[in-house]
Amino acid sequence: MRIALLAAAATLTATAHALPPDQYRIRNAGDLVKVCSVPASDPDHATALAFCHGVLAGAYGYYDASTQPADRFVCVPDPSPKRSQVASDFVAWANARPQLMNAGAIDTLFRFAGETFPCRK
């Protein structure tokens, strides 16, 4: 029993130290834009890009799975654009709308997506 408790405590301690740095706390659209636009010269570029792509893919995956086709306002074309292109386009779109930087990250992402990939009804 004591060994199990020590193992659990060690696991919790290791997990507690694995919290993401502040640059990966997405509180608003500005935070998402910042992560998605880390320059290639930055040592954290690969991690930031993977995180950005994960947020974009995760948000769209949830939307796709939870929204009936008839209710969708975002319809990604076939073939789908590359994640890197969507991220780049989102950053450019959001930077042109500084008034949205304090808005919700996912709400802003879907405003972009709705304008960029509208459904044709």
C-alpha atoms as a PDB file:
ATOM      1  CA  MET A   1       0.000   0.000   0.000  1.00  0.00           C
ATOM      2  CA  ARG A   2       2.775   2.401   0.951  1.00  0.00           C
ATOM      3  CA  ILE A   3       4.604   1.727  -2.354  1.00  0.00           C
ATOM      4  CA  ALA A   4       1.412   2.461  -4.317  1.00  0.00           C
ATOM      5  CA  LEU A   5       0.957   5.748  -2.469  1.00  0.00           C
ATOM      6  CA  LEU A   6       4.573   6.737  -3.094  1.00  0.00           C
ATOM      7  CA  ALA A   7       4.222   5.863  -6.783  1.00  0.00           C
ATOM      8  CA  ALA A   8       0.997   7.907  -7.036  1.00  0.00           C
ATOM      9  CA  ALA A   9       2.634  10.857  -5.269  1.00  0.00           C
ATOM     10  CA  ALA A  10       5.630  10.679  -7.618  1.00  0.00           C
ATOM     11  CA  THR A  11       3.317  10.633 -10.639  1.00  0.00           C
ATOM     12  CA  LEU A  12       1.325  13.621  -9.389  1.00  0.00           C
ATOM     13  CA  THR A  13       4.525  15.534  -8.650  1.00  0.00           C
ATOM     14  CA  ALA A  14       5.878  14.843 -12.139  1.00  0.00           C
ATOM     15  CA  THR A  15       2.560  15.891 -13.679  1.00  0.00           C
ATOM     16  CA  ALA A  16       2.450  19.087 -11.623  1.00  0.00           C
ATOM     17  CA  HIS A  17       5.848  20.089 -12.989  1.00  0.00           C
ATOM     18  CA  ALA A  18       4.700  19.472 -16.561  1.00  0.00           C
ATOM     19  CA  LEU A  19       2.381  22.484 -16.692  1.00  0.00           C
ATOM     20  CA  PRO A  20       2.713  24.429 -19.918  1.00  0.00           C
ATOM     21  CA  PRO A  21       4.608  27.705 -19.927  1.00  0.00           C
ATOM     22  CA  ASP A  22       2.567  30.911 -20.007  1.00  0.00           C
ATOM     23  CA  GLN A  23       2.966  31.252 -23.773  1.00  0.00           C
ATOM     24  CA  TYR A  24       0.717  28.182 -24.117  1.00  0.00           C
ATOM     25  CA  ARG A  25      -2.133  29.534 -22.018  1.00  0.00           C
ATOM     26  CA  ILE A  26      -4.691  30.659 -24.551  1.00  0.00           C
ATOM     27  CA  ARG A  27      -6.881  33.229 -22.815  1.00  0.00           C
ATOM     28  CA  ASN A  28      -7.968  35.159 -25.898  1.00  0.00           C
ATOM     29  CA  ALA A  29      -7.467  35.516 -29.654  1.00  0.00           C
ATOM     30  CA  GLY A  30      -4.276  37.521 -29.160  1.00  0.00           C
ATOM     31  CA  ASP A  31      -2.709  34.611 -27.280  1.00  0.00           C
ATOM     32  CA  LEU A  32      -3.613  32.203 -30.087  1.00  0.00           C
ATOM     33  CA  VAL A  33      -2.229  34.588 -32.713  1.00  0.00           C
ATOM     34  CA  LYS A  34       0.975  34.917 -30.717  1.00  0.00           C
ATOM     35  CA  VAL A  35       1.479  31.146 -30.505  1.00  0.00           C
ATOM     36  CA  CYS A  36       0.588  30.650 -34.168  1.00  0.00           C
ATOM     37  CA  SER A  37       3.085  33.281 -35.298  1.00  0.00           C
ATOM     38  CA  VAL A  38       6.258  32.274 -33.436  1.00  0.00           C
ATOM     39  CA  PRO A  39       9.028  32.853 -36.011  1.00  0.00           C
ATOM     40  CA  ALA A  40      11.002  29.937 -37.430  1.00  0.00           C
ATOM     41  CA  SER A  41      14.158  31.421 -35.881  1.00  0.00           C
ATOM     42  CA  ASP A  42      12.719  31.011 -32.356  1.00  0.00           C
ATOM     43  CA  PRO A  43      13.991  27.895 -30.551  1.00  0.00           C
ATOM     44  CA  ASP A  44      10.408  27.159 -29.466  1.00  0.00           C
ATOM     45  CA  HIS A  45       9.039  27.355 -33.029  1.00  0.00           C
ATOM     46  CA  ALA A  46       8.315  23.638 -33.516  1.00  0.00           C
ATOM     47  CA  THR A  47       6.511  23.340 -30.184  1.00  0.00           C
ATOM     48  CA  ALA A  48       4.505  26.524 -30.742  1.00  0.00           C
ATOM     49  CA  LEU A  49       3.538  25.468 -34.259  1.00  0.00           C
ATOM     50  CA  ALA A  50       2.462  22.016 -33.074  1.00  0.00           C
ATOM     51  CA  PHE A  51       0.415  23.606 -30.289  1.00  0.00           C
ATOM     52  CA  CYS A  52      -1.191  26.062 -32.717  1.00  0.00           C
ATOM     53  CA  HIS A  53      -2.073  23.287 -35.160  1.00  0.00           C
ATOM     54  CA  GLY A  54      -3.467  21.234 -32.297  1.00  0.00           C
ATOM     55  CA  VAL A  55      -5.767  24.045 -31.208  1.00  0.00           C
ATOM     56  CA  LEU A  56      -6.981  24.633 -34.770  1.00  0.00           C
ATOM     57  CA  ALA A  57      -7.480  20.945 -35.545  1.00  0.00           C
ATOM     58  CA  GLY A  58      -9.061  20.242 -32.166  1.00  0.00           C
ATOM     59  CA  ALA A  59     -11.513  23.123 -32.414  1.00  0.00           C
ATOM     60  CA  TYR A  60     -12.533  22.172 -35.939  1.00  0.00           C
ATOM     61  CA  GLY A  61     -12.710  18.467 -35.069  1.00  0.00           C
ATOM     62  CA  TYR A  62     -15.076  19.210 -32.199  1.00  0.00           C
ATOM     63  CA  TYR A  63     -17.200  21.463 -34.411  1.00  0.00           C
ATOM     64  CA  ASP A  64     -17.326  18.846 -37.162  1.00  0.00           C
ATOM     65  CA  ALA A  65     -18.287  16.063 -34.760  1.00  0.00           C
ATOM     66  CA  SER A  66     -20.857  18.072 -32.810  1.00  0.00           C
ATOM     67  CA  THR A  67     -22.606  20.063 -35.532  1.00  0.00           C
ATOM     68  CA  GLN A  68     -25.100  18.536 -37.933  1.00  0.00           C
ATOM     69  CA  PRO A  69     -24.182  19.204 -41.592  1.00  0.00           C
ATOM     70  CA  ALA A  70     -27.362  21.240 -42.129  1.00  0.00           C
ATOM     71  CA  ASP A  71     -26.419  23.535 -39.223  1.00  0.00           C
ATOM     72  CA  ARG A  72     -22.818  24.247 -40.242  1.00  0.00           C
ATOM     73  CA  PHE A  73     -21.611  27.680 -41.274  1.00  0.00           C
ATOM     74  CA  VAL A  74     -18.019  26.528 -41.888  1.00  0.00           C
ATOM     75  CA  CYS A  75     -17.456  24.116 -44.772  1.00  0.00           C
ATOM     76  CA  VAL A  76     -13.839  23.268 -45.490  1.00  0.00           C
ATOM     77  CA  PRO A  77     -13.213  22.576 -49.186  1.00  0.00           C
ATOM     78  CA  ASP A  78     -12.028  19.242 -50.534  1.00  0.00           C
ATOM     79  CA  PRO A  79      -9.096  18.918 -50.646  1.00  0.00           C
ATOM     80  CA  SER A  80      -8.616  20.568 -47.276  1.00  0.00           C
ATOM     81  CA  PRO A  81      -6.035  23.331 -46.975  1.00  0.00           C
ATOM     82  CA  LYS A  82      -2.852  22.521 -45.069  1.00  0.00           C
ATOM     83  CA  ARG A  83      -2.885  23.363 -41.371  1.00  0.00           C
ATOM     84  CA  SER A  84       0.120  25.623 -41.841  1.00  0.00           C
ATOM     85  CA  GLN A  85      -1.786  27.637 -44.454  1.00  0.00           C
ATOM     86  CA  VAL A  86      -4.885  27.923 -42.250  1.00  0.00           C
ATOM     87  CA  ALA A  87      -2.730  29.038 -39.315  1.00  0.00           C
ATOM     88  CA  SER A  88      -0.917  31.607 -41.446  1.00  0.00           C
ATOM     89  CA  ASP A  89      -4.167  32.906 -42.925  1.00  0.00           C
ATOM     90  CA  PHE A  90      -5.756  33.095 -39.469  1.00  0.00           C
ATOM     91  CA  VAL A  91      -2.820  35.125 -38.127  1.00  0.00           C
ATOM     92  CA  ALA A  92      -2.998  37.582 -41.049  1.00  0.00           C
ATOM     93  CA  TRP A  93      -6.788  37.854 -40.755  1.00  0.00           C
ATOM     94  CA  ALA A  94      -6.679  38.424 -36.985  1.00  0.00           C
ATOM     95  CA  ASN A  95      -3.821  40.937 -37.179  1.00  0.00           C
ATOM     96  CA  ALA A  96      -5.968  42.989 -39.567  1.00  0.00           C
ATOM     97  CA  ARG A  97      -8.664  43.066 -36.849  1.00  0.00           C
ATOM     98  CA  PRO A  98      -6.903  44.220 -33.658  1.00  0.00           C
ATOM     99  CA  GLN A  99     -10.280  44.895 -32.036  1.00  0.00           C
ATOM    100  CA  LEU A 100     -10.766  41.110 -31.806  1.00  0.00           C
ATOM    101  CA  MET A 101      -7.528  40.308 -29.972  1.00  0.00           C
ATOM    102  CA  ASN A 102      -9.214  40.297 -26.545  1.00  0.00           C
ATOM    103  CA  ALA A 103     -12.155  38.213 -27.744  1.00  0.00           C
ATOM    104  CA  GLY A 104     -12.367  34.484 -27.167  1.00  0.00           C
ATOM    105  CA  ALA A 105      -9.763  32.554 -29.134  1.00  0.00           C
ATOM    106  CA  ILE A 106     -12.106  29.891 -30.490  1.00  0.00           C
ATOM    107  CA  ASP A 107     -14.905  32.390 -31.198  1.00  0.00           C
ATOM    108  CA  THR A 108     -12.440  34.478 -33.193  1.00  0.00           C
ATOM    109  CA  LEU A 109     -11.060  31.420 -34.947  1.00  0.00           C
ATOM    110  CA  PHE A 110     -14.574  30.519 -36.077  1.00  0.00           C
ATOM    111  CA  ARG A 111     -15.300  34.070 -37.217  1.00  0.00           C
ATOM    112  CA  PHE A 112     -12.260  33.682 -39.458  1.00  0.00           C
ATOM    113  CA  ALA A 113     -13.322  30.201 -40.562  1.00  0.00           C
ATOM    114  CA  GLY A 114     -16.862  31.346 -41.336  1.00  0.00           C
ATOM    115  CA  GLU A 115     -15.571  34.140 -43.538  1.00  0.00           C
ATOM    116  CA  THR A 116     -12.864  32.027 -45.154  1.00  0.00           C
ATOM    117  CA  PHE A 117     -14.762  28.758 -45.630  1.00  0.00           C
ATOM    118  CA  PRO A 118     -18.459  29.665 -45.740  1.00  0.00           C
ATOM    119  CA  CYS A 119     -21.011  26.991 -46.558  1.00  0.00           C
ATOM    120  CA  ARG A 120     -22.762  27.458 -49.864  1.00  0.00           C
ATOM    121  CA  LYS A 121     -26.459  26.919 -49.256  1.00  0.00           C
END
